Protein backbone atom coordinates (compact mmCIF):
# COMPACT_ATOMS: atom_id res chain seq x y z
CA MET A 1 0.04 -0.07 0.00
CA LEU A 2 1.54 3.28 -1.07
CA GLN A 3 1.83 6.03 1.56
CA SER A 4 1.07 9.52 0.50
CA LYS A 5 3.71 12.08 1.62
CA ILE A 6 3.24 15.87 2.27
CA PRO A 7 4.96 17.81 -0.49
CA ILE A 8 8.12 19.35 1.12
CA PRO A 9 10.15 22.00 -0.76
CA PHE A 10 13.35 19.96 -1.06
CA GLN A 11 11.49 16.95 -2.59
CA SER A 12 11.21 18.80 -5.88
CA ASN A 13 13.49 20.75 -8.17
CA ARG A 14 10.63 22.87 -9.29
CA ARG A 15 11.32 26.66 -9.04
CA TYR A 16 8.87 28.60 -6.96
CA SER A 17 7.40 31.81 -8.16
CA ILE A 18 7.74 35.06 -6.16
CA LEU A 19 3.97 35.12 -5.88
CA GLU A 20 3.88 31.58 -4.34
CA ILE A 21 6.63 32.52 -1.87
CA LEU A 22 4.79 35.84 -0.96
CA GLN A 23 1.57 33.90 -0.41
CA PHE A 24 3.40 31.40 1.73
CA ILE A 25 4.93 34.24 3.86
CA VAL A 26 1.53 35.92 4.26
CA VAL A 27 -0.14 32.83 5.46
CA VAL A 28 2.56 31.84 7.89
CA SER A 29 2.78 35.45 9.25
CA LEU A 30 -0.92 35.51 9.93
CA LEU A 31 -0.75 32.09 11.57
CA LEU A 32 2.03 33.14 13.89
CA TYR A 33 0.45 36.45 14.77
CA PHE A 34 -2.96 35.05 15.67
CA GLY A 35 -1.38 31.94 17.27
CA LYS A 36 1.27 33.60 19.35
CA THR A 37 -0.22 32.58 22.64
CA LEU A 38 0.50 28.98 21.70
CA PHE A 39 3.54 29.47 19.44
CA ILE A 40 5.59 31.74 21.72
CA PRO A 41 5.86 29.36 24.66
CA LEU A 42 6.21 26.43 22.30
CA SER A 43 9.14 28.16 20.51
CA PHE A 44 10.89 28.99 23.67
CA SER A 45 10.43 25.41 24.81
CA LEU A 46 11.89 24.04 21.57
CA LEU A 47 14.86 26.42 22.02
CA ILE A 48 15.37 25.08 25.58
CA GLY A 49 14.76 21.46 24.36
CA PHE A 50 17.47 21.73 21.69
CA ILE A 51 19.94 23.27 24.14
CA LEU A 52 19.26 20.71 26.84
CA TYR A 53 19.19 17.68 24.60
CA PRO A 54 23.00 17.09 24.67
CA VAL A 55 22.94 17.47 28.48
CA CYS A 56 20.08 14.99 28.88
CA LYS A 57 21.77 12.62 26.48
CA TYR A 58 24.98 12.78 28.41
CA MET A 59 23.33 11.96 31.75
CA GLU A 60 21.32 9.20 30.22
CA THR A 61 24.52 7.55 28.93
CA LYS A 62 25.79 7.67 32.50
CA GLY A 63 22.81 5.52 33.61
CA ILE A 64 20.42 8.15 34.82
CA TYR A 65 16.79 7.67 34.03
CA LYS A 66 15.52 9.79 31.13
CA GLY A 67 12.80 11.46 33.35
CA THR A 68 15.38 12.26 36.11
CA ALA A 69 17.85 13.61 33.52
CA ILE A 70 15.14 15.91 32.05
CA PHE A 71 14.00 17.02 35.60
CA ILE A 72 17.56 17.98 36.51
CA SER A 73 18.14 19.96 33.20
CA ILE A 74 14.91 21.79 33.51
CA LEU A 75 15.52 22.53 37.19
CA GLY A 76 18.92 24.08 36.19
CA VAL A 77 17.37 26.35 33.61
CA THR A 78 14.56 27.37 36.09
CA LEU A 79 17.15 28.17 38.75
CA LEU A 80 19.00 30.27 36.18
CA ALA A 81 15.94 32.21 35.21
CA GLY A 82 14.99 32.55 38.86
CA SER A 83 18.36 34.06 39.70
CA ILE A 84 17.87 36.57 37.01
CA ILE A 85 14.40 37.52 38.33
CA TYR A 86 15.78 37.63 41.81
CA LEU A 87 18.52 40.03 40.61
CA LEU A 88 15.78 42.21 39.14
CA PHE A 89 13.92 42.45 42.40
CA VAL A 90 17.20 43.12 44.35
CA GLN A 91 17.87 46.07 42.08
CA PHE A 92 14.29 47.43 42.55
CA SER A 93 14.54 47.00 46.33
CA GLU A 94 17.81 48.88 46.43
CA PHE A 95 16.22 51.56 44.35
CA LEU A 96 13.34 51.80 46.92
CA GLN A 97 15.85 52.28 49.68
CA GLU A 98 17.12 55.40 47.94
CA TRP A 99 13.64 56.62 47.07
CA GLU A 100 13.30 59.09 49.91
CA SER A 101 16.53 61.00 49.02
CA LEU A 102 15.48 60.68 45.31
CA ARG A 103 12.09 62.17 45.95
CA ALA A 104 13.57 65.09 47.80
CA LYS A 105 15.89 65.79 44.91
CA LEU A 106 12.90 65.34 42.44
CA ASN A 107 10.73 67.74 44.39
CA GLU A 108 13.69 70.22 44.54
CA SER A 109 14.23 70.07 40.74
CA ILE A 110 10.46 70.47 40.04
CA HIS A 111 10.36 73.50 42.26
CA GLN A 112 13.44 74.96 40.47
CA LEU A 113 11.80 74.25 37.15
CA SER A 114 8.53 76.04 38.23
CA ILE A 115 10.51 79.14 39.33
CA PHE A 116 12.35 79.07 35.99
CA ILE A 117 9.06 78.99 34.08
CA VAL A 118 7.71 81.85 36.20
CA GLU A 119 10.66 83.96 35.56
CA ARG A 120 11.22 83.10 31.88
CA PHE A 121 7.66 82.75 30.60
CA ASN A 122 5.71 84.76 33.26
CA ILE A 123 3.43 81.73 33.97
CA SER A 124 2.27 81.80 37.59
CA LEU A 125 2.55 78.79 39.95
CA GLU A 126 -1.25 78.73 40.06
CA LYS A 127 -1.59 78.35 36.29
CA GLN A 128 1.14 75.73 36.29
CA THR A 129 -0.73 73.65 38.93
CA GLU A 130 -3.99 74.04 37.07
CA PHE A 131 -2.43 72.75 33.86
CA ILE A 132 -0.91 69.66 35.59
CA ASN A 133 -4.39 68.87 37.17
CA ASN A 134 -6.15 69.23 33.89
CA THR A 135 -3.60 67.00 32.26
CA LEU A 136 -3.92 64.38 34.84
CA ASN A 137 -7.70 64.42 34.73
CA ASP A 138 -7.71 64.02 30.90
CA SER A 139 -5.25 61.09 31.14
CA GLY A 140 -7.49 59.08 33.29
CA SER A 141 -8.77 56.91 30.39
CA LEU A 142 -5.27 56.47 29.16
CA ALA A 143 -4.03 55.38 32.68
CA PHE A 144 -6.93 52.78 32.80
CA SER A 145 -6.00 51.45 29.38
CA MET A 146 -2.28 51.18 30.43
CA LEU A 147 -3.33 49.28 33.64
CA ARG A 148 -5.39 46.91 31.64
CA ASN A 149 -2.59 46.29 29.17
CA THR A 150 -0.22 45.80 31.99
CA ALA A 151 -2.43 43.29 33.68
CA TYR A 152 -2.95 41.37 30.38
CA SER A 153 0.86 41.36 29.80
CA LEU A 154 1.52 40.10 33.38
CA SER A 155 -1.05 37.30 33.11
CA THR A 156 0.44 36.22 29.69
CA ALA A 157 4.00 36.35 31.18
CA VAL A 158 2.80 34.09 34.04
CA PHE A 159 1.17 31.66 31.61
CA PHE A 160 4.43 31.54 29.61
CA LEU A 161 6.55 30.92 32.74
CA ILE A 162 4.24 27.98 33.63
CA MET A 163 3.99 26.40 30.31
CA ILE A 164 7.52 26.77 28.92
CA PRO A 165 9.06 24.27 31.44
CA VAL A 166 6.15 21.89 30.90
CA PHE A 167 6.41 22.02 27.03
CA SER A 168 10.31 21.67 27.32
CA ALA A 169 10.10 18.58 29.49
CA LEU A 170 7.46 16.96 27.24
CA ILE A 171 9.48 17.65 24.07
CA LEU A 172 12.56 16.16 25.63
CA PHE A 173 10.70 13.15 26.94
CA HIS A 174 8.91 12.49 23.67
CA ARG A 175 11.86 13.52 21.39
CA GLN A 176 12.18 10.06 19.69
CA LEU A 177 8.44 9.98 18.97
CA LEU A 178 8.50 13.48 17.47
CA SER A 179 11.55 12.63 15.47
CA ASN A 180 9.92 9.51 13.97
CA ALA A 181 6.78 11.54 13.24
CA LEU A 182 8.92 14.00 11.35
CA TYR A 183 10.64 11.20 9.35
CA GLU A 184 7.38 9.88 8.29
CA LEU A 185 6.58 13.04 6.43
CA PHE A 186 9.28 12.43 4.07
CA PRO A 187 10.30 9.49 1.66
CA PRO A 188 12.68 6.89 3.25
CA GLU A 189 15.55 8.16 1.09
CA ARG A 190 15.36 11.56 2.71
CA LYS A 191 15.73 10.35 6.29
CA ASN A 192 19.42 11.01 6.45
CA THR A 193 18.82 14.53 5.20
CA ILE A 194 16.31 15.27 7.80
CA HIS A 195 18.53 13.75 10.57
CA GLU A 196 21.37 16.09 9.34
CA ILE A 197 19.07 19.05 9.51
CA LEU A 198 18.06 18.17 13.11
CA ILE A 199 21.60 17.81 14.21
CA GLU A 200 22.67 21.00 12.54
CA THR A 201 19.66 22.84 14.08
CA ILE A 202 21.03 21.89 17.51
CA HIS A 203 24.42 23.26 16.58
CA GLU A 204 22.75 26.37 15.17
CA TYR A 205 20.94 26.91 18.53
CA TYR A 206 24.13 26.59 20.31
CA ASN A 207 25.83 29.05 18.04
CA PHE A 208 22.84 31.37 18.77
CA ILE A 209 23.40 31.15 22.56
CA ARG A 210 27.23 31.76 22.07
CA GLY A 211 26.31 34.83 20.01
CA MET A 212 23.94 36.03 22.80
CA LEU A 213 26.70 35.64 25.34
CA ILE A 214 28.98 37.75 23.13
CA VAL A 215 26.22 40.42 22.90
CA TYR A 216 25.81 40.57 26.71
CA LEU A 217 29.57 40.90 27.25
CA ILE A 218 29.83 43.77 24.83
CA VAL A 219 26.76 45.52 26.09
CA GLY A 220 28.01 45.13 29.70
CA LEU A 221 31.36 46.63 28.64
CA LEU A 222 29.72 49.54 26.79
CA ASN A 223 27.42 50.28 29.76
CA SER A 224 30.35 50.20 32.20
CA ILE A 225 32.53 52.53 30.05
CA GLY A 226 29.68 54.95 29.67
CA LEU A 227 28.95 55.04 33.37
CA TRP A 228 32.73 55.27 34.11
CA ILE A 229 32.99 58.38 31.84
CA ILE A 230 29.97 60.08 33.58
CA GLY A 231 31.49 59.33 36.94
CA VAL A 232 28.79 56.97 38.32
CA PRO A 233 30.20 54.89 41.34
CA ASN A 234 30.74 51.12 40.70
CA PRO A 235 30.29 51.54 37.06
CA PHE A 236 31.20 47.95 36.08
CA LEU A 237 28.75 46.55 38.61
CA PHE A 238 25.83 48.54 37.29
CA GLY A 239 26.93 48.12 33.66
CA PHE A 240 27.01 44.36 33.80
CA ILE A 241 23.82 44.02 35.96
CA ALA A 242 22.03 46.05 33.27
CA SER A 243 23.52 43.80 30.54
CA ILE A 244 22.33 40.63 32.31
CA LEU A 245 18.89 42.11 32.91
CA THR A 246 18.38 43.03 29.25
CA PHE A 247 17.47 39.35 28.95
CA ILE A 248 14.08 40.53 30.16
CA PRO A 249 12.89 42.69 27.39
CA TYR A 250 11.97 46.41 28.23
CA VAL A 251 11.35 45.81 31.91
CA GLY A 252 14.87 44.61 32.66
CA ILE A 253 16.74 47.65 31.29
CA MET A 254 14.23 50.02 32.85
CA ILE A 255 14.53 48.50 36.46
CA SER A 256 18.40 48.06 36.18
CA SER A 257 18.68 51.69 35.22
CA LEU A 258 16.85 53.02 38.18
CA LEU A 259 19.61 52.44 40.80
CA PRO A 260 22.44 54.25 38.86
CA ILE A 261 20.06 57.03 38.08
CA ALA A 262 19.32 57.49 41.81
CA VAL A 263 22.98 57.08 42.80
CA SER A 264 24.22 59.65 40.32
CA TRP A 265 21.55 62.18 41.25
CA ILE A 266 22.29 61.85 45.01
CA THR A 267 26.05 61.79 44.58
CA TYR A 268 26.30 64.87 42.31
CA ASN A 269 23.16 66.85 43.15
CA SER A 270 22.49 67.61 39.46
CA ILE A 271 19.84 66.58 37.11
CA TRP A 272 22.21 66.30 34.24
CA TYR A 273 23.92 63.09 35.61
CA PRO A 274 20.76 61.06 35.67
CA LEU A 275 19.96 62.29 32.14
CA ALA A 276 23.39 61.26 31.06
CA VAL A 277 22.81 57.70 32.53
CA ILE A 278 19.49 57.44 30.64
CA ALA A 279 21.41 58.51 27.41
CA VAL A 280 24.09 55.99 27.93
CA PHE A 281 21.68 53.14 28.35
CA SER A 282 19.51 54.31 25.46
CA ILE A 283 22.46 54.54 23.10
CA VAL A 284 23.77 51.16 24.02
CA GLN A 285 20.33 49.57 23.70
CA ALA A 286 20.09 51.02 20.27
CA LEU A 287 23.53 49.77 19.33
CA GLU A 288 22.67 46.38 20.80
CA ALA A 289 19.47 46.02 18.87
CA TYR A 290 20.66 47.25 15.41
CA ILE A 291 24.39 46.72 15.27
CA ILE A 292 25.84 44.41 17.95
CA PHE A 293 23.07 41.71 17.95
CA PRO A 294 23.01 41.32 14.18
CA PHE A 295 26.74 41.23 13.82
CA ALA A 296 27.54 38.99 16.72
CA VAL A 297 24.63 36.43 16.20
CA GLY A 298 24.52 36.72 12.38
CA SER A 299 28.34 35.82 12.22
CA ARG A 300 27.79 32.74 14.23
CA LEU A 301 24.77 31.65 12.21
CA LYS A 302 26.42 32.46 8.89
CA ILE A 303 23.44 34.74 7.93
CA ASN A 304 24.11 38.29 6.59
CA THR A 305 23.58 41.26 8.79
CA LEU A 306 20.83 42.89 6.63
CA VAL A 307 18.66 39.85 6.86
CA ILE A 308 19.26 39.64 10.64
CA ILE A 309 18.08 43.33 11.11
CA ILE A 310 15.04 42.73 9.01
CA VAL A 311 14.16 39.55 10.92
CA VAL A 312 14.50 41.33 14.24
CA ILE A 313 12.09 44.13 13.09
CA VAL A 314 9.60 41.69 11.62
CA GLY A 315 9.79 39.44 14.80
CA GLY A 316 9.09 42.48 16.81
CA ILE A 317 6.00 43.41 14.72
CA ILE A 318 4.48 39.86 14.88
CA TRP A 319 5.51 38.66 18.35
CA GLY A 320 6.87 41.70 20.17
CA ALA A 321 10.06 41.35 22.23
CA ALA A 322 9.83 37.54 22.02
CA GLY A 323 9.81 37.65 18.33
CA MET A 324 13.02 39.69 18.23
CA ILE A 325 14.72 36.76 19.94
CA LEU A 326 13.04 33.78 18.48
CA PHE A 327 12.81 34.74 14.80
CA ILE A 328 16.74 34.48 14.55
CA PRO A 329 16.88 30.71 15.13
CA PHE A 330 13.85 30.37 12.94
CA ILE A 331 15.63 32.01 9.97
CA SER A 332 18.73 29.80 10.54
CA ILE A 333 16.57 26.75 10.26
CA ILE A 334 15.03 28.10 7.04
CA LYS A 335 18.58 28.61 5.71
CA LEU A 336 19.51 24.91 6.58
CA ILE A 337 16.45 23.77 4.55
CA ALA A 338 17.18 26.13 1.72
CA ASP A 339 20.82 25.00 1.54
CA ARG A 340 19.63 21.50 0.70
CA THR A 341 16.79 22.52 -1.63
CA PRO A 342 17.80 23.03 -5.24
CA SER A 343 14.44 25.00 -5.85
CA LEU A 344 15.38 27.40 -2.98
CA LYS A 345 18.89 28.06 -4.11
CA THR A 346 18.23 31.81 -4.49
CA LEU A 347 16.94 32.06 -0.93
CA SER A 348 19.92 30.24 0.35
CA VAL A 349 22.22 32.72 -1.31
CA LEU A 350 20.10 35.64 -0.14
CA LEU A 351 20.28 34.57 3.49
CA GLY A 352 23.99 33.61 3.46
CA ASP A 353 26.81 35.81 4.58
CA GLY A 354 28.55 35.69 1.18
CA ASP A 355 31.39 33.49 2.65
CA GLN A 356 30.46 30.28 0.72
CA LYS A 357 33.04 29.12 -1.69
CA LYS A 358 32.61 30.71 -5.13
CA THR A 359 32.94 28.61 -8.27
CA SER A 360 35.69 29.95 -10.58
CA LYS A 361 34.52 31.35 -14.03
């Protein structure tokens, strides 16, 4: 009895038209956007599963039961994530300890600004107070919307934190079953090719993690140098803590910057130093997102920098901060498939970094 196989790109030498490729991209993008509640934790789980697979395999060869090896591996990742979250709370608690001094400085600066407005623009303190009160009243609906969005984001984050370890453990436990199911989608003669792609995918994920470590090291050094130039006490401590906490998108860098902002303001009694700290972190974050990350990670994955930047932006549009991280390994897997698909040769060249061996004319 003949088995029907799903048509896979590298089963055929047929060239795909631009329209077909665009249609495929649109359908996949819509699927990823509307299914992000499922696909984001599942993608993180796949990332963790690929990274932990060699660790679990090593422990299993030493006689440790598969379930126990998976539990130990997942526990290690959970403790690492927990330590980062703990570091985040430590930074925030230390900032709260400085809050009284900071509030006094803030009130003093606001008072000086009000006096400047009175002297410069002849706007009385009563009019300034009235303007502030009207602005606060008008922003009530906006504040409610922000609180609602924050509550939704927190609930989604909690859901992800619960489901990611569960998905990761199940993927690792049923890895052989999932591999066999994947092999069944292809003709028997393609099994070795699929096996090669799976092995290289694990290597690509490891290269991605090594690239991320390089990014955090460079960002930590740039943060530290910037804070040292400004004159903030303990610049390397604050700089590398901020670098580590950038692992938590948006929230991490905001909370990690609070303490150096407070310390610089209290130490130098000038508003310009906190503004300089904000400028340093903002510039470094922009460099990290659009220069350091594409170069460091792209060079490891053998993908050109232009594609990495585009993928980061598209990932941010579709999945937000999670997409800016996860879409990079996705594009590396697409390149692995394109490298082995004659009909996708153009895509392989487009994604490549240009270092492939060129044939002589």
